[in-house]
Each structure stands twice: as structure tokens, then as C-alpha cells.
Amino acid sequence: MKIYDISQEVFGCAVYPGDPSPERQVLLSINEGKICNLTAFNMCAHNGTHVDAPFHFIKDGKTVDQVDIDKFVGYCFVAAHEGDITAEDAQKIMDKANEAAKEAGNDCNARILVKGAATMTEEAAKVFADNKIKLFGNESQTVGPLEAPMEVHLTMLGAEIVLLEGIRLSEVDEGVYLLNSAPLNLGGSDGAPCRAILMSL
């Protein structure tokens, strides 16, 4: 089994335009004669590799702590794509995932990760929503067009698909993996950072 760390390092991570960058504060330092090293930090819940809960765009949507943990942990299918994901592209990805699920005998078609510089379209989001997937992950800091992500978020989060954004899949081939992207348990939050990993089967 091989383990892939698909997360960004927090203090050097990519940040969605307009969001604050993570900041580190050294509270104690052994080099300064203190008993230990101690760090505090301040960051947006959507910095780096993170998850979006429905509450991010939906007034009465579930917060991170209310989302079932099994959405974040389980089998997944990694598909490669560059550019806009059309409805036809989304269906092809689902067809591959469904076939892989049959062959592997698991539910990898419930969690879809897309490798590459891909942008979700509203039409594609509806395909994934209709397929009732649990989680969708992408390498961009947001699902949907960077300048207008709302409609895609409303479609997917409205279908209670949790979004895993800002992952790094350059070292990962297409196929079936075991995913752990459990977020920090931030009560009442619209999102949370996570240390996402994939395990080969």
C-alpha cells in the first residue's frame, strides 16, 4: 500500500483571491530560553486544502460538524481532466467510476476527485448531483469558475455533496483509492481545513 499526501502545507498554501492568508505566531521558543516551542495561528477555514459544508452557501445547510463523517472517508475514484468539465465530461467520469466500483466491489463512485486544472460547469454539477455522490474534490481553490462560483456551489452543496478543494494530485494516477479527508471539527463552521490523504489498494 502506498500513501499519498494530497494536502497543501498551510503557511505556504494557495489562497482564494480576497481571503486572508494563514499567519503563524511563535508564542514560545526554546532558542529564546523557553521551556518548549509553542505556535499559534490564524487562518480562514477555506485556506489551502479544505472542505466546504453546505452552510458555506446555504443559509440552513449543514455545518462541518453536522456532516456525516463517512462522506469524507471511504473509497474514491480519481479521474484526470483539463479545462471545463461539461455535462458530457461529468457523465464520462461517472461511467468510469461506476465501472471501477463494479470491478473493485466498493463504492468508489460515491467520491470523485478530479486531477488537473479543471473547472466545474453548472451543467456538470447537476450530473454529479443526479448521481448522488457524497464528495467531489478538485485541485482549484474553488469548485466552479473562479470569478463566479456560486451557482455550482449551490447545485452541489444543495445536493449535500461535500466539496474537497485545493488538493494536489500530480503524483496520483487515475483509479480507485481509499480517501481520508476528515476536516477539523469546527462547530458551526461553513468549512474547515483538512490533511487529505489517499491510500492505494
Protein backbone atom coordinates (compact mmCIF):
# COMPACT_ATOMS: atom_id res chain seq x y z
CA MET A 1 0.00 0.00 0.00
CA LYS A 2 1.26 3.49 -0.86
CA ILE A 3 0.09 6.62 0.95
CA TYR A 4 -0.19 9.91 -0.93
CA ASP A 5 -0.35 13.20 0.94
CA ILE A 6 -2.62 15.30 -1.30
CA SER A 7 -2.69 18.32 1.02
CA GLN A 8 -1.00 21.69 0.80
CA GLU A 9 1.34 22.93 3.53
CA VAL A 10 -0.72 25.50 5.40
CA PHE A 11 1.57 28.52 5.74
CA GLY A 12 2.66 28.41 2.09
CA CYS A 13 -0.71 27.37 0.67
CA ALA A 14 -2.71 28.83 -2.19
CA VAL A 15 -5.41 31.28 -1.10
CA TYR A 16 -8.67 32.16 -2.84
CA PRO A 17 -8.49 35.77 -4.09
CA GLY A 18 -9.56 38.12 -1.30
CA ASP A 19 -9.26 35.60 1.53
CA PRO A 20 -6.70 36.27 4.26
CA SER A 21 -3.52 34.16 4.20
CA PRO A 22 -2.64 31.94 7.18
CA GLU A 23 -0.45 33.63 9.78
CA ARG A 24 1.91 31.96 12.26
CA GLN A 25 2.71 33.39 15.70
CA VAL A 26 5.57 31.97 17.78
CA LEU A 27 4.43 32.13 21.41
CA LEU A 28 7.39 30.32 22.96
CA SER A 29 10.82 29.38 21.57
CA ILE A 30 13.46 27.04 23.01
CA ASN A 31 16.09 29.16 21.21
CA GLU A 32 14.97 32.07 23.38
CA GLY A 33 15.33 30.06 26.59
CA LYS A 34 11.71 28.98 26.91
CA ILE A 35 10.66 25.54 28.13
CA CYS A 36 9.22 24.50 24.74
CA ASN A 37 8.30 25.67 21.27
CA LEU A 38 4.69 26.85 21.02
CA THR A 39 2.88 28.10 17.93
CA ALA A 40 -0.44 29.88 17.44
CA PHE A 41 -2.00 30.56 14.07
CA ASN A 42 -4.81 32.45 12.40
CA MET A 43 -6.41 31.32 9.15
CA CYS A 44 -9.57 31.25 7.05
CA ALA A 45 -11.48 27.96 7.15
CA HIS A 46 -11.11 27.80 3.34
CA ASN A 47 -7.34 28.27 3.08
CA GLY A 48 -5.22 25.56 1.44
CA THR A 49 -6.70 22.07 1.33
CA HIS A 50 -10.14 22.28 2.89
CA VAL A 51 -13.74 21.12 2.75
CA ASP A 52 -16.91 23.10 2.11
CA ALA A 53 -20.00 22.18 4.10
CA PRO A 54 -23.48 23.04 2.74
CA PHE A 55 -23.68 26.01 5.16
CA HIS A 56 -20.99 27.74 3.08
CA PHE A 57 -23.61 28.84 0.53
CA ILE A 58 -26.92 27.64 2.00
CA LYS A 59 -28.47 29.56 4.91
CA ASP A 60 -29.88 26.50 6.69
CA GLY A 61 -27.37 23.98 5.30
CA LYS A 62 -25.39 21.58 7.46
CA THR A 63 -22.26 22.88 9.13
CA VAL A 64 -19.00 20.91 9.12
CA ASP A 65 -19.72 19.24 12.46
CA GLN A 66 -23.18 18.16 11.23
CA VAL A 67 -21.97 16.39 8.08
CA ASP A 68 -21.69 12.59 8.35
CA ILE A 69 -18.02 11.67 8.67
CA ASP A 70 -18.40 8.85 6.12
CA LYS A 71 -18.69 11.46 3.37
CA PHE A 72 -15.06 12.41 3.98
CA VAL A 73 -13.63 8.91 4.50
CA GLY A 74 -14.00 5.96 2.14
CA TYR A 75 -13.27 4.70 -1.34
CA CYS A 76 -12.94 7.24 -4.15
CA PHE A 77 -12.23 7.42 -7.86
CA VAL A 78 -9.57 9.75 -9.26
CA ALA A 79 -10.16 10.98 -12.82
CA ALA A 80 -7.91 13.23 -14.89
CA HIS A 81 -9.36 16.24 -16.73
CA GLU A 82 -8.17 19.59 -18.03
CA GLY A 83 -10.37 22.60 -18.73
CA ASP A 84 -14.11 22.98 -18.27
CA ILE A 85 -15.97 19.89 -17.11
CA THR A 86 -19.07 19.72 -19.31
CA ALA A 87 -22.13 17.60 -18.63
CA GLU A 88 -20.78 15.05 -21.13
CA ASP A 89 -17.40 15.02 -19.37
CA ALA A 90 -19.08 14.55 -16.00
CA GLN A 91 -21.08 11.60 -17.29
CA LYS A 92 -17.91 10.01 -18.72
CA ILE A 93 -16.23 10.41 -15.33
CA MET A 94 -19.23 8.81 -13.62
CA ASP A 95 -19.24 5.96 -16.15
CA LYS A 96 -15.57 5.25 -15.38
CA ALA A 97 -16.23 5.44 -11.65
CA ASN A 98 -19.28 3.17 -11.87
CA GLU A 99 -17.32 0.58 -13.84
CA ALA A 100 -14.44 0.77 -11.36
CA ALA A 101 -16.89 0.32 -8.48
CA LYS A 102 -18.26 -2.86 -10.07
CA GLU A 103 -14.78 -4.27 -10.63
CA ALA A 104 -13.49 -3.34 -7.17
CA GLY A 105 -16.70 -4.23 -5.33
CA ASN A 106 -16.80 -0.98 -3.39
CA ASP A 107 -18.43 2.47 -3.50
CA CYS A 108 -15.57 4.42 -5.12
CA ASN A 109 -18.22 6.03 -7.34
CA ALA A 110 -19.54 7.89 -4.27
CA ARG A 111 -16.46 10.13 -4.01
CA ILE A 112 -14.95 11.70 -7.13
CA LEU A 113 -11.60 13.53 -7.26
CA VAL A 114 -10.54 15.32 -10.43
CA LYS A 115 -6.85 15.67 -11.23
CA GLY A 116 -5.77 18.66 -13.32
CA ALA A 117 -6.71 22.27 -13.96
CA ALA A 118 -10.42 21.53 -14.23
CA THR A 119 -13.36 23.90 -13.79
CA MET A 120 -16.82 22.63 -12.94
CA THR A 121 -19.71 23.94 -15.03
CA GLU A 122 -23.24 24.21 -13.70
CA GLU A 123 -24.40 21.52 -16.14
CA ALA A 124 -21.71 19.13 -14.91
CA ALA A 125 -22.56 19.89 -11.29
CA LYS A 126 -26.13 18.73 -11.99
CA VAL A 127 -24.81 15.42 -13.37
CA PHE A 128 -22.87 14.74 -10.18
CA ALA A 129 -25.84 15.83 -8.07
CA ASP A 130 -28.15 13.50 -10.01
CA ASN A 131 -25.70 10.65 -9.35
CA LYS A 132 -25.97 11.36 -5.61
CA ILE A 133 -22.24 11.32 -4.95
CA LYS A 134 -21.07 12.08 -1.41
CA LEU A 135 -17.96 14.14 -2.13
CA PHE A 136 -16.31 15.95 -5.02
CA GLY A 137 -12.68 17.03 -4.90
CA ASN A 138 -10.61 19.27 -7.17
CA GLU A 139 -7.19 20.93 -7.32
CA SER A 140 -8.51 24.50 -7.61
CA GLN A 141 -9.22 26.57 -4.51
CA THR A 142 -12.88 26.56 -5.52
CA VAL A 143 -15.35 24.42 -7.45
CA GLY A 144 -16.70 26.26 -10.45
CA PRO A 145 -15.37 29.34 -12.23
CA LEU A 146 -13.03 31.36 -10.01
CA GLU A 147 -14.88 34.59 -10.79
CA ALA A 148 -18.40 33.17 -10.36
CA PRO A 149 -18.51 30.02 -8.20
CA MET A 150 -21.93 30.49 -6.57
CA GLU A 151 -24.25 28.53 -8.90
CA VAL A 152 -22.03 25.44 -8.96
CA HIS A 153 -21.73 25.54 -5.17
CA LEU A 154 -25.49 25.90 -4.76
CA THR A 155 -26.14 22.90 -7.00
CA MET A 156 -23.62 20.59 -5.35
CA LEU A 157 -23.95 21.72 -1.74
CA GLY A 158 -27.73 21.78 -2.22
CA ALA A 159 -27.48 18.06 -3.04
CA GLU A 160 -25.41 17.65 0.16
CA ILE A 161 -22.25 16.85 -1.79
CA VAL A 162 -19.33 17.99 0.34
CA LEU A 163 -16.56 19.71 -1.57
CA LEU A 164 -12.86 18.98 -1.08
CA GLU A 165 -10.91 21.87 -2.58
CA GLY A 166 -7.24 22.64 -3.03
CA ILE A 167 -5.98 19.05 -3.20
CA ARG A 168 -2.77 18.09 -5.04
CA LEU A 169 -2.92 15.06 -7.34
CA SER A 170 0.14 15.42 -9.61
CA GLU A 171 1.69 12.20 -8.25
CA VAL A 172 -1.56 10.23 -8.37
CA ASP A 173 -2.73 8.12 -11.32
CA GLU A 174 -6.34 7.63 -12.34
CA GLY A 175 -8.01 4.85 -10.41
CA VAL A 176 -9.50 3.68 -7.13
CA TYR A 177 -8.10 4.74 -3.76
CA LEU A 178 -9.06 4.95 -0.12
CA LEU A 179 -9.55 8.58 0.90
CA ASN A 180 -9.32 10.22 4.30
CA SER A 181 -10.19 13.91 4.15
CA ALA A 182 -11.77 14.30 7.58
CA PRO A 183 -11.87 18.02 8.45
CA LEU A 184 -11.19 19.69 11.77
CA ASN A 185 -14.36 19.52 13.86
CA LEU A 186 -15.15 23.25 13.84
CA GLY A 187 -18.60 23.51 15.38
CA GLY A 188 -20.95 25.74 13.42
CA SER A 189 -18.44 26.36 10.63
CA ASP A 190 -19.09 26.58 6.87
CA GLY A 191 -15.81 24.81 6.09
CA ALA A 192 -12.62 23.51 7.64
CA PRO A 193 -9.03 22.67 6.73
CA CYS A 194 -8.04 19.02 6.48
CA ARG A 195 -4.97 16.81 5.94
CA ALA A 196 -6.23 14.80 2.97
CA ILE A 197 -4.51 11.52 2.11
CA LEU A 198 -5.05 8.76 -0.43
CA MET A 199 -4.10 5.12 0.03
CA SER A 200 -3.59 2.77 -2.89
CA LEU A 201 -5.40 -0.57 -2.76
